[in-house]
Amino acid sequence: MRGEEQLPQGSTSSNGSSLVHTKKYQSSAAITPRSILHSIPPRAFPYYSGIAAAAAAGATGNISSNNTTFGLPCFAPNPEWKFDRSPSTTGLLFGKPIKVGGSTAAGVHMRIARNAADRQQKPYPICQLRWDHSKNHIFAHRDPSASLLWTLFRNPTRRLVSTFYHFYVTRENVTANVANLQRMLSQNYETHQHYYLKQASLLLPNPGEAKDHTTNQSKHVESILRDIDFIGITERMDESLVALSLLWGLPLGDVLYMSAKTSGGYDGGGQGCRKIQPAPSPLDVDMQQLLKSHFFQNLTKWDRVVYQLANQSLDLTIEQTIGRDKFDPALIQFQQALQVVHERCGGEVVTPCSNGGVREPGSDAVGKPYPPTTTDCLALDSGCGYMCLDDVATELGLWDDAPFGGELSYRYPGAFGLGESTQKRIRARYTLQQNSSRELPEETTKWPTGLEHLTVPPEAQVYNEKLLNLHRQRDQARRQRGGIFGMMSQIAGETTMRHPPQPLSRVEQINQQKQKRSSGFRGQQQQQQQGNMT
């Protein structure tokens, strides 16, 4: 099985049945009474079955705009949907963990929501959705008959290494060595431990239960498998998206994508545009030893459980629910389309940080991201090249191969990024449609967005404002405390000291001391703190 990981021995489900019988997970029947096969996409079947039943009765195309029977759940969005992280009980929901390829997957999620609104002829440009970083417990009270929730998991070791290189090395210019990697893990231990359980479980902590999910882990694992409609795997992105499209009755054109962040490209998060510093392959020997240590294995133990189960679930879904005779041809067609996307779209699409963004005067290193209205993206760096993707889908006939398929009408062309490439493609679409009643004004500011009549829900406004203020406070704290390590040292305080790493071997300690002497930290006080923690 792909992505196989070791599981803790003696784990049990919430009903007392054994999750594992040996060191390795052996069978989907080990979780009873809910097999993995049925628990991964449970809410996908009502939508797909409704379409299948209608088709059998002789109906075709976009059968009905009914939200819960013949179409994906599509409701009016918050006009500020690009920044909305408030709890939701309905709509299209994506749980976005950190450093799993989430920006790319979020772009696919936006395409699905945009295309569903278009095909259902809604008076707005995109269905209600959530897509940004937040914990899934904000969906704890969602209505399964009026929502779809999916997420993406990545190999836990790769995810943490990527976290280090992205947030510390790329954004904070921290030296890439084993001492700094261990420092990140130690000072932020409670955030990293059981990360998937805390991020993906829909269960709210019970009174008196540890907030760090160090108790009742199997309960949270079962929530993830039971309550999330679909779980994709980062290392199997193409397989995951094809499986999702087949389960939800979507055309392959809806799940085409361009990668949001690539090695050697630029990152627009934080401040400005910074060249992405990828993790070397292989990592140096000292880092490899740290990742094999008891400290690190304990840190990622339950994340490896979740990752393995999700991997096996995807295998079972492909083999038993979809069937290889249907899945394999779709995967081949999808990957051929992605090759066309790479050749056709890569050179023309403007992202927030294309070629380093808009350069600061007198600076050759860091630029400002392009304004959202001048990029070819649906939001931030997600869903970029959306019109180029649409044209590829049209050319290759990828719109009409599913119950929810069909060409798009582009009734709200001003709703998303309008870079030069996108403008040309939209104008070409309107010309081809030869509909004089829908001529586009010359000025893009006059193009309809479908958002003009919508209002921001008061509860969402309050929630998002509080969240924004919290982020502002953390950004200010990071600047005042000498970067991300300084901020963590003071915010974490005694909390991290309650969970120090297990002692390293003598060889690891010697190597770490060498690294610390050669790299140096900011200030003698921080050096002393690191010595105490390791």
Protein backbone atom coordinates (compact mmCIF):
# COMPACT_ATOMS: atom_id res chain seq x y z
CA MET A 1 0.00 0.00 0.00
CA ARG A 2 1.23 3.49 -0.85
CA GLY A 3 2.26 5.84 1.92
CA GLU A 4 2.44 3.07 4.51
CA GLU A 5 3.30 4.17 8.04
CA GLN A 6 3.77 2.40 11.35
CA LEU A 7 0.83 2.57 13.76
CA PRO A 8 0.91 2.63 17.55
CA GLN A 9 0.10 -0.73 19.03
CA GLY A 10 -3.00 -1.26 21.12
CA SER A 11 -5.05 1.61 19.67
CA THR A 12 -8.81 1.30 19.99
CA SER A 13 -11.78 3.00 18.42
CA SER A 14 -14.36 4.85 20.49
CA ASN A 15 -16.54 1.73 20.66
CA GLY A 16 -13.68 -0.34 22.03
CA SER A 17 -12.88 -2.32 18.89
CA SER A 18 -9.24 -2.72 17.98
CA LEU A 19 -7.86 -0.39 15.34
CA VAL A 20 -4.71 -2.44 14.86
CA HIS A 21 -3.79 -6.04 15.47
CA THR A 22 -0.09 -5.83 14.68
CA LYS A 23 2.37 -3.04 14.06
CA LYS A 24 0.87 -2.40 10.63
CA TYR A 25 -2.71 -1.69 9.74
CA GLN A 26 -4.07 -4.81 8.05
CA SER A 27 -7.68 -4.40 7.03
CA SER A 28 -10.36 -1.76 6.54
CA ALA A 29 -12.63 -3.99 8.62
CA ALA A 30 -10.52 -3.21 11.70
CA ILE A 31 -12.63 -0.12 12.39
CA THR A 32 -16.13 -1.34 13.14
CA PRO A 33 -18.93 -0.85 12.51
CA ARG A 34 -17.79 1.83 10.07
CA SER A 35 -15.34 0.57 7.46
CA ILE A 36 -12.94 3.12 5.97
CA LEU A 37 -14.50 2.51 2.59
CA HIS A 38 -17.82 3.93 3.69
CA SER A 39 -16.54 6.56 6.09
CA ILE A 40 -14.36 8.58 3.72
CA PRO A 41 -16.96 9.77 1.15
CA PRO A 42 -20.25 9.20 2.99
CA ARG A 43 -21.94 12.43 1.92
CA ALA A 44 -20.83 12.10 -1.71
CA PHE A 45 -23.32 9.33 -2.49
CA PRO A 46 -26.60 11.25 -2.01
CA TYR A 47 -25.55 13.85 -4.59
CA TYR A 48 -24.22 11.35 -7.10
CA SER A 49 -27.12 8.91 -6.54
CA GLY A 50 -29.66 11.68 -7.07
CA ILE A 51 -28.15 12.49 -10.44
CA ALA A 52 -27.97 8.82 -11.39
CA ALA A 53 -31.62 8.29 -10.51
CA ALA A 54 -32.70 11.33 -12.51
CA ALA A 55 -30.62 10.24 -15.48
CA ALA A 56 -32.19 6.79 -15.34
CA ALA A 57 -35.60 8.48 -15.52
CA GLY A 58 -34.59 10.17 -18.75
CA ALA A 59 -33.46 13.61 -17.56
CA THR A 60 -30.22 15.08 -18.93
CA GLY A 61 -27.86 17.99 -18.34
CA ASN A 62 -28.29 20.36 -15.42
CA ILE A 63 -31.46 18.63 -14.24
CA SER A 64 -32.42 20.97 -11.44
CA SER A 65 -31.10 23.81 -9.34
CA ASN A 66 -32.31 22.09 -6.17
CA ASN A 67 -29.43 22.46 -3.72
CA THR A 68 -29.66 19.11 -2.01
CA THR A 69 -30.88 16.71 -4.70
CA PHE A 70 -29.51 17.47 -8.15
CA GLY A 71 -26.57 19.75 -7.63
CA LEU A 72 -23.71 20.54 -5.34
CA PRO A 73 -24.87 22.58 -2.33
CA CYS A 74 -24.76 26.17 -3.62
CA PHE A 75 -25.88 29.12 -1.52
CA ALA A 76 -25.23 32.86 -1.58
CA PRO A 77 -21.65 33.66 -0.55
CA ASN A 78 -20.27 36.30 1.74
CA PRO A 79 -19.18 39.06 -0.71
CA GLU A 80 -15.91 39.04 1.26
CA TRP A 81 -15.55 35.27 0.70
CA LYS A 82 -11.84 35.57 -0.02
CA PHE A 83 -11.16 36.39 3.63
CA ASP A 84 -14.01 34.60 5.39
CA ARG A 85 -12.93 32.04 8.01
CA SER A 86 -16.08 32.13 10.11
CA PRO A 87 -17.94 28.94 11.11
CA SER A 88 -20.38 27.58 8.53
CA THR A 89 -23.09 24.94 8.53
CA THR A 90 -23.71 24.89 4.77
CA GLY A 91 -21.91 25.22 1.46
CA LEU A 92 -18.69 23.90 -0.04
CA LEU A 93 -16.09 23.54 2.69
CA PHE A 94 -12.37 22.83 2.40
CA GLY A 95 -10.28 22.15 5.51
CA LYS A 96 -6.84 23.53 4.65
CA PRO A 97 -3.94 22.23 6.77
CA ILE A 98 -0.60 24.04 6.70
CA LYS A 99 1.97 22.97 4.07
CA VAL A 100 0.07 20.18 2.35
CA GLY A 101 -0.31 21.80 -1.06
CA GLY A 102 -3.38 23.52 0.32
CA SER A 103 -3.17 26.65 -1.84
CA THR A 104 -3.27 24.51 -4.97
CA ALA A 105 -6.18 22.41 -3.64
CA ALA A 106 -7.98 25.57 -2.51
CA GLY A 107 -7.78 26.80 -6.10
CA VAL A 108 -9.52 23.62 -7.24
CA HIS A 109 -12.12 24.13 -4.50
CA MET A 110 -12.79 27.67 -5.78
CA ARG A 111 -13.14 26.39 -9.35
CA ILE A 112 -15.72 23.85 -8.21
CA ALA A 113 -17.68 26.53 -6.31
CA ARG A 114 -17.47 29.01 -9.19
CA ASN A 115 -18.52 26.52 -11.84
CA ALA A 116 -21.40 25.13 -9.75
CA ALA A 117 -22.84 28.63 -9.32
CA ASP A 118 -22.53 29.27 -13.05
CA ARG A 119 -24.19 26.02 -14.13
CA GLN A 120 -26.99 26.37 -11.58
CA GLN A 121 -27.56 29.92 -12.90
CA LYS A 122 -27.24 31.48 -9.48
CA PRO A 123 -27.42 35.29 -9.16
CA TYR A 124 -23.87 35.34 -7.76
CA PRO A 125 -20.47 34.30 -9.17
CA ILE A 126 -19.47 31.63 -6.66
CA CYS A 127 -21.19 29.34 -4.16
CA GLN A 128 -20.81 29.84 -0.44
CA LEU A 129 -17.46 28.35 0.52
CA ARG A 130 -14.68 28.18 3.09
CA TRP A 131 -11.17 27.53 1.89
CA ASP A 132 -8.55 29.24 4.06
CA HIS A 133 -6.53 27.96 7.02
CA SER A 134 -8.80 27.13 9.96
CA LYS A 135 -9.58 24.17 12.17
CA ASN A 136 -12.39 21.90 11.07
CA HIS A 137 -14.25 22.20 14.36
CA ILE A 138 -15.73 25.44 12.95
CA PHE A 139 -17.79 23.01 10.84
CA ALA A 140 -18.85 20.92 13.86
CA HIS A 141 -22.52 21.81 13.40
CA ARG A 142 -22.67 21.63 9.63
CA ASP A 143 -25.71 20.22 7.86
CA PRO A 144 -24.53 17.10 5.97
CA SER A 145 -27.46 17.41 3.56
CA ALA A 146 -26.47 20.95 2.57
CA SER A 147 -22.68 20.87 2.63
CA LEU A 148 -19.66 19.00 1.37
CA LEU A 149 -16.38 18.95 3.31
CA TRP A 150 -13.03 17.70 2.09
CA THR A 151 -9.38 18.07 3.03
CA LEU A 152 -5.84 17.09 2.06
CA PHE A 153 -3.16 15.24 4.06
CA ARG A 154 0.57 15.01 3.40
CA ASN A 155 3.27 12.71 4.74
CA PRO A 156 3.79 14.18 8.24
CA THR A 157 7.58 14.22 8.04
CA ARG A 158 7.55 16.02 4.70
CA ARG A 159 4.94 18.44 5.99
CA LEU A 160 7.05 19.48 8.99
CA VAL A 161 10.24 19.80 6.95
CA SER A 162 8.32 21.94 4.46
CA THR A 163 6.99 24.03 7.35
CA PHE A 164 10.54 24.71 8.50
CA TYR A 165 11.85 25.70 5.08
CA HIS A 166 8.80 27.74 4.16
CA PHE A 167 8.06 29.76 7.31
CA TYR A 168 11.54 29.90 8.82
CA VAL A 169 14.15 29.62 6.08
CA THR A 170 12.23 31.39 3.28
CA ARG A 171 10.23 33.98 5.21
CA GLU A 172 12.46 34.62 8.23
CA ASN A 173 15.92 33.98 6.71
CA VAL A 174 16.67 31.43 9.45
CA THR A 175 19.75 29.29 8.77
CA ALA A 176 18.77 25.81 7.59
CA ASN A 177 20.44 23.47 10.08
CA VAL A 178 19.46 20.77 12.53
CA ALA A 179 19.67 23.05 15.56
CA ASN A 180 17.12 25.47 14.14
CA LEU A 181 14.87 22.66 12.97
CA GLN A 182 14.84 21.15 16.45
CA ARG A 183 14.33 24.57 17.94
CA MET A 184 11.19 25.02 15.82
CA LEU A 185 9.84 21.65 16.89
CA SER A 186 10.70 22.14 20.58
CA GLN A 187 9.45 25.69 21.07
CA ASN A 188 6.22 24.98 19.19
CA TYR A 189 5.79 21.39 20.38
CA GLU A 190 2.11 21.53 21.29
CA THR A 191 1.22 23.02 17.91
CA HIS A 192 3.03 20.31 15.95
CA GLN A 193 2.09 17.29 18.09
CA HIS A 194 -1.00 15.47 16.74
CA TYR A 195 -1.44 18.30 14.23
CA TYR A 196 -3.93 16.49 11.99
CA LEU A 197 -6.07 15.53 14.96
CA LYS A 198 -6.30 19.15 16.08
CA GLN A 199 -6.75 20.57 12.59
CA ALA A 200 -9.06 18.05 10.93
CA SER A 201 -11.28 16.60 13.68
CA LEU A 202 -14.75 18.12 13.83
CA LEU A 203 -15.12 17.28 17.51
CA LEU A 204 -15.10 20.14 19.97
CA PRO A 205 -13.07 19.47 23.14
CA ASN A 206 -15.20 18.24 26.04
CA PRO A 207 -15.04 20.15 29.34
CA GLY A 208 -11.83 19.18 31.06
CA GLU A 209 -10.35 17.49 27.99
CA ALA A 210 -6.82 18.47 27.01
CA LYS A 211 -6.90 20.97 24.17
CA ASP A 212 -3.75 19.50 22.65
CA HIS A 213 -5.55 16.22 21.80
CA THR A 214 -3.14 14.12 23.87
CA THR A 215 -6.12 12.11 25.15
CA ASN A 216 -8.83 10.20 23.27
CA GLN A 217 -6.78 10.24 20.08
CA SER A 218 -8.73 7.38 18.50
CA LYS A 219 -11.93 9.36 18.96
CA HIS A 220 -10.53 12.20 16.86
CA VAL A 221 -9.18 9.77 14.24
CA GLU A 222 -12.64 8.28 13.89
CA SER A 223 -14.18 11.76 13.59
CA ILE A 224 -11.82 12.55 10.72
CA LEU A 225 -12.71 9.35 8.89
CA ARG A 226 -16.43 9.62 9.62
CA ASP A 227 -17.19 13.33 9.31
CA ILE A 228 -15.13 14.43 6.29
CA ASP A 229 -16.68 13.66 2.92
CA PHE A 230 -13.41 13.18 1.05
CA ILE A 231 -9.72 13.08 2.01
CA GLY A 232 -7.06 13.58 -0.64
CA ILE A 233 -3.35 12.82 -0.42
CA THR A 234 -0.79 15.46 -1.41
CA GLU A 235 1.66 12.92 -2.85
CA ARG A 236 -1.24 11.56 -4.93
CA MET A 237 -2.80 14.87 -5.92
CA ASP A 238 -3.87 13.83 -9.42
CA GLU A 239 -5.42 10.56 -8.23
CA SER A 240 -7.20 12.40 -5.42
CA LEU A 241 -8.75 15.03 -7.68
CA VAL A 242 -9.87 12.50 -10.28
CA ALA A 243 -11.46 10.39 -7.52
CA LEU A 244 -13.19 13.44 -6.08
CA SER A 245 -14.56 14.45 -9.48
CA LEU A 246 -15.95 10.97 -10.13
CA LEU A 247 -17.52 10.70 -6.67
CA TRP A 248 -19.17 14.11 -6.86
CA GLY A 249 -20.25 13.90 -10.51
CA LEU A 250 -17.95 16.72 -11.64
CA PRO A 251 -16.29 17.09 -15.06
CA LEU A 252 -12.50 16.83 -15.14
CA GLY A 253 -12.38 20.45 -16.28
CA ASP A 254 -13.54 21.52 -12.82
CA VAL A 255 -10.47 20.04 -11.10
CA LEU A 256 -7.72 21.17 -13.48
CA TYR A 257 -5.08 23.17 -11.65
CA MET A 258 -1.80 25.05 -11.74
CA SER A 259 0.50 24.64 -8.74
CA ALA A 260 0.29 27.64 -6.42
CA LYS A 261 3.86 27.38 -5.11
CA THR A 262 6.76 25.69 -6.85
CA SER A 263 10.41 25.18 -5.99
CA GLY A 264 12.43 28.14 -7.21
CA GLY A 265 9.32 30.30 -7.48
CA TYR A 266 8.18 33.11 -5.20
CA ASP A 267 6.04 33.17 -2.08
CA GLY A 268 3.65 36.07 -1.54
CA GLY A 269 2.78 35.31 2.08
CA GLY A 270 4.08 37.32 4.98
CA GLN A 271 5.53 40.56 3.66
CA GLY A 272 6.50 40.99 0.04
CA CYS A 273 7.59 38.31 -2.43
CA ARG A 274 10.42 36.01 -1.41
CA LYS A 275 12.15 33.35 -3.43
CA ILE A 276 11.13 29.93 -2.12
CA GLN A 277 13.98 28.01 -0.51
CA PRO A 278 13.18 24.33 -1.02
CA ALA A 279 14.36 21.57 1.28
CA PRO A 280 17.38 19.77 -0.22
CA SER A 281 17.03 16.13 -1.21
CA PRO A 282 18.36 14.33 0.64
CA LEU A 283 18.50 16.31 3.86
CA ASP A 284 21.85 16.46 5.62
CA VAL A 285 22.75 13.59 7.94
CA ASP A 286 22.07 15.52 11.15
CA MET A 287 18.53 16.42 10.09
CA GLN A 288 17.87 12.85 9.03
CA GLN A 289 18.96 11.63 12.45
CA LEU A 290 16.62 14.10 14.15
CA LEU A 291 13.70 12.91 12.03
CA LYS A 292 14.43 9.32 13.08
CA SER A 293 14.71 10.16 16.79
CA HIS A 294 12.21 9.05 19.43
CA PHE A 295 11.36 12.72 20.02
CA PHE A 296 10.24 13.22 16.41
CA GLN A 297 8.51 9.86 16.10
CA ASN A 298 6.44 10.64 19.20
CA LEU A 299 5.64 14.08 17.83
CA THR A 300 4.17 12.68 14.60
CA LYS A 301 2.80 9.34 15.83
CA TRP A 302 -0.91 10.04 15.43
CA ASP A 303 -0.43 12.10 12.29
CA ARG A 304 1.12 9.00 10.74
CA VAL A 305 -1.92 7.00 11.80
CA VAL A 306 -4.27 9.43 10.07
CA TYR A 307 -2.08 9.64 6.98
CA GLN A 308 -1.88 5.86 6.58
CA LEU A 309 -5.62 5.39 7.02
CA ALA A 310 -6.39 8.14 4.51
CA ASN A 311 -4.00 6.53 2.02
CA GLN A 312 -5.65 3.16 2.36
CA SER A 313 -9.08 4.75 2.15
CA LEU A 314 -8.17 6.36 -1.15
CA ASP A 315 -6.99 2.98 -2.45
CA LEU A 316 -10.25 1.34 -1.41
CA THR A 317 -12.37 4.12 -2.85
CA ILE A 318 -10.61 3.82 -6.21
CA GLU A 319 -10.65 0.03 -6.30
CA GLN A 320 -14.07 -0.73 -4.84
CA THR A 321 -16.28 2.35 -5.06
CA ILE A 322 -15.23 3.80 -8.42
CA GLY A 323 -13.59 0.83 -10.11
CA ARG A 324 -10.37 0.73 -12.08
CA ASP A 325 -12.20 0.41 -15.39
CA LYS A 326 -13.64 3.89 -14.83
CA PHE A 327 -10.83 5.48 -12.85
CA ASP A 328 -7.74 4.64 -14.90
CA PRO A 329 -8.93 6.15 -18.24
CA ALA A 330 -10.05 9.30 -16.38
CA LEU A 331 -6.64 9.62 -14.70
CA ILE A 332 -4.81 9.26 -18.02
CA GLN A 333 -7.05 11.88 -19.62
CA PHE A 334 -6.58 14.22 -16.65
CA GLN A 335 -2.79 13.98 -16.63
CA GLN A 336 -2.64 14.55 -20.38
CA ALA A 337 -4.72 17.68 -19.86
CA LEU A 338 -2.34 18.88 -17.12
CA GLN A 339 0.54 18.55 -19.57
CA VAL A 340 -1.32 20.81 -21.99
CA VAL A 341 -1.98 23.25 -19.12
CA HIS A 342 1.74 23.32 -18.31
CA GLU A 343 2.69 24.01 -21.92
CA ARG A 344 -0.12 26.45 -22.66
CA CYS A 345 -0.65 28.43 -19.47
CA GLY A 346 2.64 28.53 -17.58
CA GLY A 347 4.19 31.34 -19.59
CA GLU A 348 1.25 33.74 -19.63
CA VAL A 349 -0.38 33.58 -16.20
CA VAL A 350 0.34 36.40 -13.74
CA THR A 351 0.30 35.36 -10.08
CA PRO A 352 0.75 37.67 -7.07
CA CYS A 353 4.51 37.06 -7.15
CA SER A 354 5.25 36.35 -10.81
CA ASN A 355 8.98 36.94 -11.32
CA GLY A 356 9.29 38.29 -7.81
CA GLY A 357 6.28 40.59 -7.92
CA VAL A 358 6.40 44.36 -8.26
CA ARG A 359 9.87 45.44 -7.18
CA GLU A 360 10.34 47.88 -4.35
CA PRO A 361 12.23 51.00 -5.46
CA GLY A 362 15.95 50.33 -5.06
CA SER A 363 15.46 46.67 -4.19
CA ASP A 364 16.52 43.66 -6.24
CA ALA A 365 15.51 41.02 -3.70
CA VAL A 366 11.99 41.54 -2.42
CA GLY A 367 8.96 42.92 -4.21
CA LYS A 368 5.34 43.64 -3.42
CA PRO A 369 2.68 41.24 -4.70
CA TYR A 370 0.71 42.39 -7.72
CA PRO A 371 -2.71 43.82 -6.80
CA PRO A 372 -5.42 41.12 -6.91
CA THR A 373 -7.23 42.81 -9.82
CA THR A 374 -4.15 42.50 -12.06
CA THR A 375 -3.49 38.78 -11.50
CA ASP A 376 -5.04 35.83 -13.32
CA CYS A 377 -6.15 34.18 -10.05
CA LEU A 378 -9.48 33.52 -8.35
CA ALA A 379 -8.12 34.65 -4.96
CA LEU A 380 -4.60 35.42 -3.73
CA ASP A 381 -2.30 32.75 -5.23
CA SER A 382 -5.05 30.12 -5.62
CA GLY A 383 -6.97 29.23 -8.75
CA CYS A 384 -4.48 31.03 -10.97
CA GLY A 385 -4.84 30.78 -14.73
CA TYR A 386 -8.54 29.99 -14.36
CA MET A 387 -9.49 31.20 -17.84
CA CYS A 388 -6.57 29.39 -19.46
CA LEU A 389 -7.66 26.23 -17.63
CA ASP A 390 -11.19 26.76 -18.94
CA ASP A 391 -9.96 27.08 -22.52
CA VAL A 392 -7.89 23.90 -22.21
CA ALA A 393 -10.94 22.08 -20.83
CA THR A 394 -13.05 23.31 -23.74
CA GLU A 395 -10.45 22.35 -26.31
CA LEU A 396 -10.04 18.84 -24.88
CA GLY A 397 -13.76 18.28 -24.28
CA LEU A 398 -13.57 18.03 -20.49
CA TRP A 399 -16.83 19.79 -19.64
CA ASP A 400 -19.52 17.32 -20.66
CA ASP A 401 -18.22 14.07 -19.21
CA ALA A 402 -20.13 14.16 -15.90
CA PRO A 403 -23.63 14.64 -14.43
CA PHE A 404 -22.76 18.16 -13.27
CA GLY A 405 -20.88 19.05 -16.47
CA GLY A 406 -21.55 21.61 -19.14
CA GLU A 407 -20.01 24.75 -20.63
CA LEU A 408 -19.86 27.92 -18.55
CA SER A 409 -21.77 31.10 -19.35
CA TYR A 410 -19.46 33.69 -17.69
CA ARG A 411 -22.32 35.91 -16.53
CA TYR A 412 -20.10 37.64 -13.96
CA PRO A 413 -16.76 38.23 -15.69
CA GLY A 414 -15.62 40.92 -13.25
CA ALA A 415 -15.78 38.79 -10.11
CA PHE A 416 -12.20 37.49 -10.08
CA GLY A 417 -8.66 38.46 -11.07
CA LEU A 418 -8.49 40.25 -14.41
CA GLY A 419 -4.91 40.10 -15.56
CA GLU A 420 -4.14 40.84 -19.19
CA SER A 421 -4.33 37.20 -20.24
CA THR A 422 -7.65 36.67 -18.48
CA GLN A 423 -9.19 39.78 -20.02
CA LYS A 424 -8.27 38.63 -23.52
CA ARG A 425 -9.70 35.16 -22.98
CA ILE A 426 -12.97 36.48 -21.49
CA ARG A 427 -13.43 38.93 -24.38
CA ALA A 428 -12.78 36.10 -26.83
CA ARG A 429 -15.43 33.99 -25.09
CA TYR A 430 -18.04 36.72 -25.42
CA THR A 431 -17.16 37.23 -29.08
CA LEU A 432 -17.53 33.52 -29.81
CA GLN A 433 -20.92 33.41 -28.09
CA GLN A 434 -22.14 36.08 -30.54
CA ASN A 435 -24.71 37.35 -28.09
CA SER A 436 -25.18 41.07 -28.71
CA SER A 437 -27.20 41.45 -25.51
CA ARG A 438 -24.12 40.51 -23.50
CA GLU A 439 -21.50 42.80 -24.96
CA LEU A 440 -18.73 43.65 -22.51
CA PRO A 441 -17.95 47.28 -21.66
CA GLU A 442 -14.48 48.37 -22.63
CA GLU A 443 -13.59 49.23 -19.02
CA THR A 444 -13.21 46.16 -16.82
CA THR A 445 -14.37 48.14 -13.78
CA LYS A 446 -17.84 48.09 -15.35
CA TRP A 447 -17.93 44.33 -15.78
CA PRO A 448 -20.62 42.71 -13.57
CA THR A 449 -19.36 40.84 -10.50
CA GLY A 450 -22.60 39.41 -9.09
CA LEU A 451 -21.48 40.57 -5.64
CA GLU A 452 -23.02 44.04 -5.72
CA HIS A 453 -26.31 43.03 -4.10
CA LEU A 454 -24.82 40.78 -1.40
CA THR A 455 -24.22 41.82 2.21
CA VAL A 456 -21.71 40.55 4.74
CA PRO A 457 -23.37 38.41 7.45
CA PRO A 458 -22.98 40.27 10.78
CA GLU A 459 -21.72 37.20 12.64
CA ALA A 460 -19.07 36.59 9.97
CA GLN A 461 -17.97 40.22 10.11
CA VAL A 462 -17.48 40.08 13.88
CA TYR A 463 -15.67 36.74 13.76
CA ASN A 464 -13.33 37.72 10.94
CA GLU A 465 -12.53 41.09 12.49
CA LYS A 466 -11.47 39.40 15.72
CA LEU A 467 -9.33 36.96 13.75
CA LEU A 468 -7.73 39.79 11.79
CA ASN A 469 -6.88 41.65 14.98
CA LEU A 470 -5.28 38.50 16.39
CA HIS A 471 -3.09 38.16 13.31
CA ARG A 472 -2.09 41.81 13.55
CA GLN A 473 -1.05 41.32 17.17
CA ARG A 474 1.03 38.27 16.28
CA ASP A 475 2.73 40.07 13.39
CA GLN A 476 3.57 42.97 15.68
CA ALA A 477 4.87 40.56 18.33
CA ARG A 478 7.10 38.85 15.78
CA ARG A 479 8.64 42.15 14.73
CA GLN A 480 9.13 43.36 18.29
CA ARG A 481 10.62 40.12 19.60
CA GLY A 482 13.30 39.63 17.01
CA GLY A 483 11.64 37.32 14.52
CA ILE A 484 9.65 34.13 14.75
CA PHE A 485 11.95 32.34 17.24
CA GLY A 486 11.88 35.25 19.64
CA MET A 487 8.09 35.46 19.45
CA MET A 488 7.66 31.75 20.14
CA SER A 489 10.04 31.83 23.09
CA GLN A 490 7.95 34.43 24.89
CA ILE A 491 4.46 33.29 23.83
CA ALA A 492 5.08 29.62 24.57
CA GLY A 493 6.80 30.24 27.89
CA GLU A 494 6.37 27.41 30.34
CA THR A 495 4.00 25.53 28.02
CA THR A 496 6.78 24.27 25.76
CA MET A 497 8.91 23.36 28.76
CA ARG A 498 6.25 20.86 29.85
CA HIS A 499 6.87 18.92 26.62
CA PRO A 500 10.64 18.92 26.03
CA PRO A 501 12.01 16.49 23.44
CA GLN A 502 13.37 13.13 24.51
CA PRO A 503 17.17 13.12 24.98
CA LEU A 504 19.17 12.68 21.81
CA SER A 505 21.93 10.16 21.45
CA ARG A 506 25.46 11.27 22.32
CA VAL A 507 26.34 11.51 18.62
CA GLU A 508 23.27 13.67 17.97
CA GLN A 509 24.15 15.95 20.88
CA ILE A 510 27.70 16.43 19.62
CA ASN A 511 26.52 17.18 16.09
CA GLN A 512 23.93 19.60 17.38
CA GLN A 513 26.49 21.49 19.48
CA LYS A 514 28.70 21.86 16.40
CA GLN A 515 25.79 23.25 14.44
CA LYS A 516 24.90 25.72 17.18
CA ARG A 517 28.46 27.03 17.43
CA SER A 518 28.70 27.49 13.67
CA SER A 519 25.29 29.10 13.13
CA GLY A 520 24.69 31.14 16.28
CA PHE A 521 21.34 32.43 17.51
CA ARG A 522 20.06 35.88 18.21
CA GLY A 523 21.36 36.83 21.62
CA GLN A 524 22.88 34.95 24.52
CA GLN A 525 19.49 34.53 26.24
CA GLN A 526 18.00 32.64 23.28
CA GLN A 527 21.09 30.42 23.12
CA GLN A 528 20.58 29.52 26.77
CA GLN A 529 16.88 28.73 26.17
CA GLN A 530 17.77 26.39 23.30
CA GLY A 531 20.34 24.62 25.43
CA ASN A 532 17.78 24.04 28.17
CA MET A 533 15.22 22.60 25.74
CA THR A 534 17.56 20.17 24.00
